[in-house]
Amino acid sequence: MNTTLTLSPPQHLLRLSDLMLLAVAIVWGTSYGVAKGALAYYPVLGFLAVRFILTFVLLVPVLLRLQRQQLRDALRTGWPLGGLMLWIFLAETFGVALTQASNAAFLISLCVVFTPFVEWWMLRIRPERSVFVFAGVSLLGAALLSGGLVGDMGWGDALMLAAALLRAVTVCQTSKLTRGSTAPALALTAVQAGVIGFGSLLLALCTPGGLPPLPVAPAFWQASVYLVLGCTVFAFFAQNWALKHSAPSRVALLTSSEPAFGALFAVLWLGESLGVMGWVGGGLIVVAALWTSGRKA
């Protein structure tokens, strides 16, 4: 017999985690335009190495202040989660390069649909039926916003699909590994950043030609600082902390509002245009996120 299990954290922690996750969606939504500008100055793997090694160096003092058990917990959870996230970044980065932007935006949004099933399978927690419904609403919004899937499926589409599934697995694994862990969220963020950064550097150095000298353009370093502080230190910390107090499906639905904020940023800051169906799609994504934040568990 199937049963529905729910996580019931204190309501003030649940509301705080919701607000933090919406803030994560906002900064991640702005990250695409900022990262695109930085990538005009440096290769993908090199840029990932710069971004995450800077994050790791910034957070080293957090690791040095940990007690022995906290450090063990940070390494125990951070290594596998950092490895998963490295593969996500690689799949997303090369997937975007090999497929149309609209396809990439739509396929990565499948994470919100995958997460309830992965949560059910990995954590033995069956989400409420309404979670599946609003995951579908959010996906429909993403389809309208991005224009849906265009053309035949190719390698780039397969990589974006893999990234969406890995995102769902990572959210559930983070929830599973951090519950009961004594490691602070910032310490876990530091270990994850180290795995991604040095993993990217190793892969970059193994490619033919290696890496060019670091850019000197101020625009590159300004973008890097924003991505390190807002989209990595804050965003990783917030998601790691929220997954201690909230269900993976709830986290996925709230962060799935990222495309809507990204589109709004593109219109207001980058001067791009958005059609009527795009606005409708963004509205559906926001409705799904507001419904999620209005739930008690």
Protein backbone atom coordinates (compact mmCIF):
# COMPACT_ATOMS: atom_id res chain seq x y z
CA MET A 1 0.00 0.00 0.00
CA ASN A 2 1.37 3.42 -0.92
CA THR A 3 1.41 6.11 1.73
CA THR A 4 1.98 9.82 1.56
CA LEU A 5 4.78 11.02 3.82
CA THR A 6 5.38 14.68 4.52
CA LEU A 7 8.16 16.62 6.18
CA SER A 8 6.89 19.02 8.87
CA PRO A 9 9.56 21.51 9.84
CA PRO A 10 8.67 24.55 12.00
CA GLN A 11 6.67 27.03 9.94
CA HIS A 12 9.08 29.95 10.48
CA LEU A 13 11.95 27.85 9.09
CA LEU A 14 9.80 26.79 6.15
CA ARG A 15 8.89 30.38 5.30
CA LEU A 16 12.50 31.51 5.64
CA SER A 17 13.68 28.71 3.35
CA ASP A 18 10.98 29.69 0.79
CA LEU A 19 12.17 33.30 0.75
CA MET A 20 15.80 32.23 0.40
CA LEU A 21 14.96 29.89 -2.47
CA LEU A 22 13.04 32.61 -4.32
CA ALA A 23 16.07 34.86 -3.87
CA VAL A 24 18.21 32.03 -5.31
CA ALA A 25 15.87 31.82 -8.32
CA ILE A 26 16.28 35.57 -8.86
CA VAL A 27 20.09 35.57 -8.78
CA TRP A 28 20.31 32.40 -10.86
CA GLY A 29 17.92 33.97 -13.37
CA THR A 30 20.34 36.87 -13.80
CA SER A 31 23.37 34.58 -14.01
CA TYR A 32 22.89 33.54 -17.65
CA GLY A 33 23.39 37.03 -19.05
CA VAL A 34 26.30 37.74 -16.68
CA ALA A 35 28.03 34.42 -17.42
CA LYS A 36 27.53 34.90 -21.15
CA GLY A 37 29.42 38.18 -20.92
CA ALA A 38 32.27 36.58 -18.95
CA LEU A 39 32.58 33.71 -21.43
CA ALA A 40 33.41 36.20 -24.15
CA TYR A 41 36.80 36.58 -22.41
CA TYR A 42 37.68 33.01 -21.32
CA PRO A 43 36.92 29.35 -22.19
CA VAL A 44 34.11 27.52 -20.39
CA LEU A 45 36.20 25.11 -18.29
CA GLY A 46 38.64 27.85 -17.36
CA PHE A 47 35.83 30.17 -16.32
CA LEU A 48 34.22 27.44 -14.18
CA ALA A 49 37.60 26.85 -12.54
CA VAL A 50 38.04 30.57 -11.80
CA ARG A 51 34.51 30.96 -10.43
CA PHE A 52 34.55 27.97 -8.11
CA ILE A 53 38.18 28.09 -6.98
CA LEU A 54 37.63 31.72 -5.98
CA THR A 55 34.57 30.58 -4.03
CA PHE A 56 36.58 27.82 -2.35
CA VAL A 57 39.40 30.20 -1.37
CA LEU A 58 36.87 32.69 0.00
CA LEU A 59 35.33 29.98 2.21
CA VAL A 60 38.53 28.26 3.39
CA PRO A 61 38.37 30.17 6.74
CA VAL A 62 34.98 28.52 7.36
CA LEU A 63 36.58 25.08 6.98
CA LEU A 64 39.50 26.00 9.25
CA ARG A 65 37.12 26.92 12.09
CA LEU A 66 35.24 23.61 12.00
CA GLN A 67 35.41 20.99 14.71
CA ARG A 68 36.72 17.58 13.66
CA GLN A 69 33.27 15.98 13.37
CA GLN A 70 31.90 18.93 11.41
CA LEU A 71 34.83 18.73 8.97
CA ARG A 72 34.27 15.01 8.50
CA ASP A 73 30.59 15.59 7.80
CA ALA A 74 31.38 18.42 5.36
CA LEU A 75 33.78 16.18 3.42
CA ARG A 76 31.46 13.18 3.58
CA THR A 77 28.55 15.11 2.08
CA GLY A 78 30.46 17.66 -0.01
CA TRP A 79 32.56 15.29 -2.12
CA PRO A 80 29.68 13.32 -3.71
CA LEU A 81 27.42 16.37 -4.01
CA GLY A 82 30.23 18.43 -5.53
CA GLY A 83 30.91 15.61 -8.01
CA LEU A 84 27.25 15.54 -9.04
CA MET A 85 27.22 19.31 -9.48
CA LEU A 86 30.40 19.21 -11.56
CA TRP A 87 28.68 16.84 -13.98
CA ILE A 88 25.61 19.10 -14.02
CA PHE A 89 27.68 22.15 -14.96
CA LEU A 90 29.54 20.19 -17.65
CA ALA A 91 26.32 18.76 -19.12
CA GLU A 92 24.58 22.15 -19.08
CA THR A 93 27.55 24.04 -20.51
CA PHE A 94 28.25 21.71 -23.40
CA GLY A 95 24.54 21.02 -23.89
CA VAL A 96 23.85 24.72 -24.44
CA ALA A 97 26.70 24.81 -26.97
CA LEU A 98 25.22 21.90 -28.95
CA THR A 99 21.52 22.80 -29.03
CA GLN A 100 19.23 25.79 -29.44
CA ALA A 101 18.80 28.08 -26.45
CA SER A 102 15.02 27.49 -26.41
CA ASN A 103 15.55 23.72 -26.27
CA ALA A 104 18.06 24.09 -23.45
CA ALA A 105 15.74 26.30 -21.38
CA PHE A 106 12.82 23.92 -21.82
CA LEU A 107 14.73 20.68 -21.18
CA ILE A 108 16.47 21.91 -18.01
CA SER A 109 13.01 22.84 -16.68
CA LEU A 110 12.11 19.13 -16.71
CA CYS A 111 13.95 19.00 -13.38
CA VAL A 112 10.77 20.21 -11.68
CA VAL A 113 8.90 17.17 -13.06
CA PHE A 114 11.69 14.68 -12.36
CA THR A 115 12.18 15.73 -8.73
CA PRO A 116 8.91 14.38 -7.24
CA PHE A 117 9.55 10.98 -8.84
CA VAL A 118 13.20 10.92 -7.74
CA GLU A 119 12.11 11.98 -4.24
CA TRP A 120 9.59 9.13 -4.18
CA TRP A 121 12.21 6.65 -5.39
CA MET A 122 15.29 7.77 -3.40
CA LEU A 123 13.76 9.07 -0.17
CA ARG A 124 10.62 6.90 -0.09
CA ILE A 125 8.58 10.10 0.27
CA ARG A 126 5.50 10.25 -1.91
CA PRO A 127 4.67 13.89 -2.74
CA GLU A 128 1.06 15.05 -2.70
CA ARG A 129 -0.82 14.86 -6.00
CA SER A 130 -1.03 18.64 -6.13
CA VAL A 131 2.79 18.78 -6.28
CA PHE A 132 2.72 16.82 -9.55
CA VAL A 133 -0.04 19.10 -10.88
CA PHE A 134 1.84 22.32 -10.18
CA ALA A 135 5.08 20.80 -11.44
CA GLY A 136 3.19 20.32 -14.70
CA VAL A 137 1.96 23.94 -14.54
CA SER A 138 5.54 25.15 -14.07
CA LEU A 139 6.73 22.98 -16.98
CA LEU A 140 3.96 24.34 -19.22
CA GLY A 141 5.05 27.85 -18.27
CA ALA A 142 8.64 26.99 -19.18
CA ALA A 143 7.48 25.61 -22.53
CA LEU A 144 5.57 28.81 -23.33
CA LEU A 145 8.45 30.98 -22.13
CA SER A 146 11.14 29.15 -24.12
CA GLY A 147 9.04 28.19 -27.14
CA GLY A 148 9.21 24.47 -26.33
CA LEU A 149 11.31 21.86 -28.06
CA VAL A 150 12.36 22.74 -31.61
CA GLY A 151 13.67 20.25 -34.18
CA ASP A 152 14.94 16.71 -33.65
CA MET A 153 16.63 15.56 -30.45
CA GLY A 154 20.42 15.71 -30.67
CA TRP A 155 23.43 15.29 -28.38
CA GLY A 156 22.98 18.74 -26.94
CA ASP A 157 19.36 17.97 -26.04
CA ALA A 158 20.44 14.67 -24.46
CA LEU A 159 23.00 16.49 -22.32
CA MET A 160 20.40 19.04 -21.14
CA LEU A 161 18.02 16.19 -20.32
CA ALA A 162 20.78 14.47 -18.34
CA ALA A 163 21.50 17.74 -16.52
CA ALA A 164 17.82 18.06 -15.55
CA LEU A 165 17.78 14.52 -14.16
CA LEU A 166 21.07 15.08 -12.32
CA ARG A 167 19.62 18.27 -10.79
CA ALA A 168 16.71 16.25 -9.43
CA VAL A 169 19.05 13.57 -8.06
CA THR A 170 21.31 16.21 -6.50
CA VAL A 171 18.43 17.97 -4.74
CA CYS A 172 17.26 14.68 -3.24
CA GLN A 173 20.78 13.55 -2.34
CA THR A 174 21.45 16.88 -0.65
CA SER A 175 18.29 16.49 1.41
CA LYS A 176 19.25 12.92 2.33
CA LEU A 177 22.91 13.56 3.20
CA THR A 178 22.52 16.85 5.07
CA ARG A 179 19.77 15.75 7.46
CA GLY A 180 21.55 14.83 10.67
CA SER A 181 24.84 16.28 9.43
CA THR A 182 26.72 18.58 11.81
CA ALA A 183 28.41 20.46 8.96
CA PRO A 184 27.27 24.10 8.53
CA ALA A 185 25.78 24.96 5.13
CA LEU A 186 28.69 27.28 4.29
CA ALA A 187 31.20 24.51 4.98
CA LEU A 188 29.33 22.19 2.63
CA THR A 189 29.30 24.98 0.03
CA ALA A 190 33.09 25.31 0.39
CA VAL A 191 33.72 21.61 -0.25
CA GLN A 192 31.30 21.54 -3.20
CA ALA A 193 32.99 24.60 -4.72
CA GLY A 194 36.42 22.99 -4.30
CA VAL A 195 35.34 19.80 -6.07
CA ILE A 196 33.76 21.73 -8.97
CA GLY A 197 36.58 24.26 -9.28
CA PHE A 198 39.56 21.91 -9.14
CA GLY A 199 37.68 19.30 -11.19
CA SER A 200 37.10 21.89 -13.92
CA LEU A 201 40.74 22.98 -13.76
CA LEU A 202 41.97 19.40 -14.12
CA LEU A 203 39.70 18.81 -17.13
CA ALA A 204 40.78 22.13 -18.69
CA LEU A 205 44.47 21.29 -18.32
CA CYS A 206 43.86 17.91 -19.96
CA THR A 207 42.39 19.50 -23.10
CA PRO A 208 44.64 20.20 -26.10
CA GLY A 209 46.31 23.57 -25.69
CA GLY A 210 45.43 23.88 -22.01
CA LEU A 211 44.27 27.28 -20.78
CA PRO A 212 45.21 30.77 -22.01
CA PRO A 213 46.43 33.43 -19.54
CA LEU A 214 43.75 34.90 -17.28
CA PRO A 215 41.90 37.90 -18.74
CA VAL A 216 42.70 41.41 -17.54
CA ALA A 217 39.40 42.97 -18.68
CA PRO A 218 37.52 44.53 -15.71
CA ALA A 219 34.21 43.24 -17.12
CA PHE A 220 35.38 39.64 -16.72
CA TRP A 221 36.34 40.07 -13.08
CA GLN A 222 33.23 42.09 -12.25
CA ALA A 223 31.09 39.26 -13.64
CA SER A 224 33.18 36.71 -11.75
CA VAL A 225 32.76 38.53 -8.43
CA TYR A 226 28.97 38.71 -8.91
CA LEU A 227 28.74 35.03 -9.81
CA VAL A 228 30.98 34.01 -6.91
CA LEU A 229 29.18 36.03 -4.23
CA GLY A 230 25.57 35.93 -5.44
CA CYS A 231 25.18 32.84 -7.60
CA THR A 232 27.58 30.53 -5.77
CA VAL A 233 28.27 31.46 -2.14
CA PHE A 234 24.76 32.72 -1.39
CA ALA A 235 22.84 30.40 -3.72
CA PHE A 236 24.64 27.19 -2.73
CA PHE A 237 24.41 28.10 0.96
CA ALA A 238 20.70 28.90 0.69
CA GLN A 239 19.85 25.69 -1.17
CA ASN A 240 21.93 23.52 1.17
CA TRP A 241 20.31 25.14 4.21
CA ALA A 242 16.78 24.98 2.77
CA LEU A 243 17.07 21.27 1.99
CA LYS A 244 17.55 20.62 5.71
CA HIS A 245 14.13 22.14 6.39
CA SER A 246 12.07 21.54 3.24
CA ALA A 247 11.09 18.70 0.91
CA PRO A 248 13.04 18.33 -2.37
CA SER A 249 9.88 18.77 -4.49
CA ARG A 250 9.12 22.05 -2.73
CA VAL A 251 12.68 23.25 -3.33
CA ALA A 252 12.49 22.26 -7.01
CA LEU A 253 9.18 24.08 -7.54
CA LEU A 254 10.44 27.29 -5.95
CA THR A 255 13.76 27.34 -7.80
CA SER A 256 11.94 26.47 -11.04
CA SER A 257 10.84 30.14 -11.09
CA GLU A 258 14.41 30.87 -12.25
CA PRO A 259 13.47 31.07 -16.00
CA ALA A 260 10.77 33.65 -15.27
CA PHE A 261 13.21 35.89 -13.39
CA GLY A 262 15.80 35.28 -16.10
CA ALA A 263 13.37 36.44 -18.79
CA LEU A 264 12.41 39.50 -16.73
CA PHE A 265 16.11 40.36 -16.29
CA ALA A 266 16.66 39.96 -20.04
CA VAL A 267 13.79 42.36 -20.78
CA LEU A 268 14.59 45.02 -18.16
CA TRP A 269 18.39 44.91 -18.17
CA LEU A 270 19.48 43.45 -21.51
CA GLY A 271 16.77 45.11 -23.62
CA GLU A 272 15.41 41.84 -25.06
CA SER A 273 11.75 41.47 -26.05
CA LEU A 274 9.20 38.94 -24.82
CA GLY A 275 5.99 37.98 -26.62
CA VAL A 276 2.53 37.48 -25.15
CA MET A 277 2.98 33.70 -24.77
CA GLY A 278 6.29 34.31 -23.00
CA TRP A 279 4.59 36.56 -20.46
CA VAL A 280 1.83 33.96 -19.98
CA GLY A 281 4.45 31.26 -19.46
CA GLY A 282 6.32 33.37 -16.93
CA GLY A 283 3.04 34.02 -15.13
CA LEU A 284 2.32 30.28 -14.87
CA ILE A 285 5.77 29.67 -13.38
CA VAL A 286 5.21 32.42 -10.80
CA VAL A 287 1.74 31.00 -9.94
CA ALA A 288 3.30 27.57 -9.31
CA ALA A 289 5.98 29.13 -7.10
CA LEU A 290 3.41 31.21 -5.13
CA TRP A 291 1.22 28.15 -4.62
CA THR A 292 4.24 26.24 -3.32
CA SER A 293 5.23 28.98 -0.88
CA GLY A 294 1.62 29.12 0.35
CA ARG A 295 1.63 25.46 1.39
CA LYS A 296 2.22 24.61 5.02
CA ALA A 297 4.57 21.67 4.33
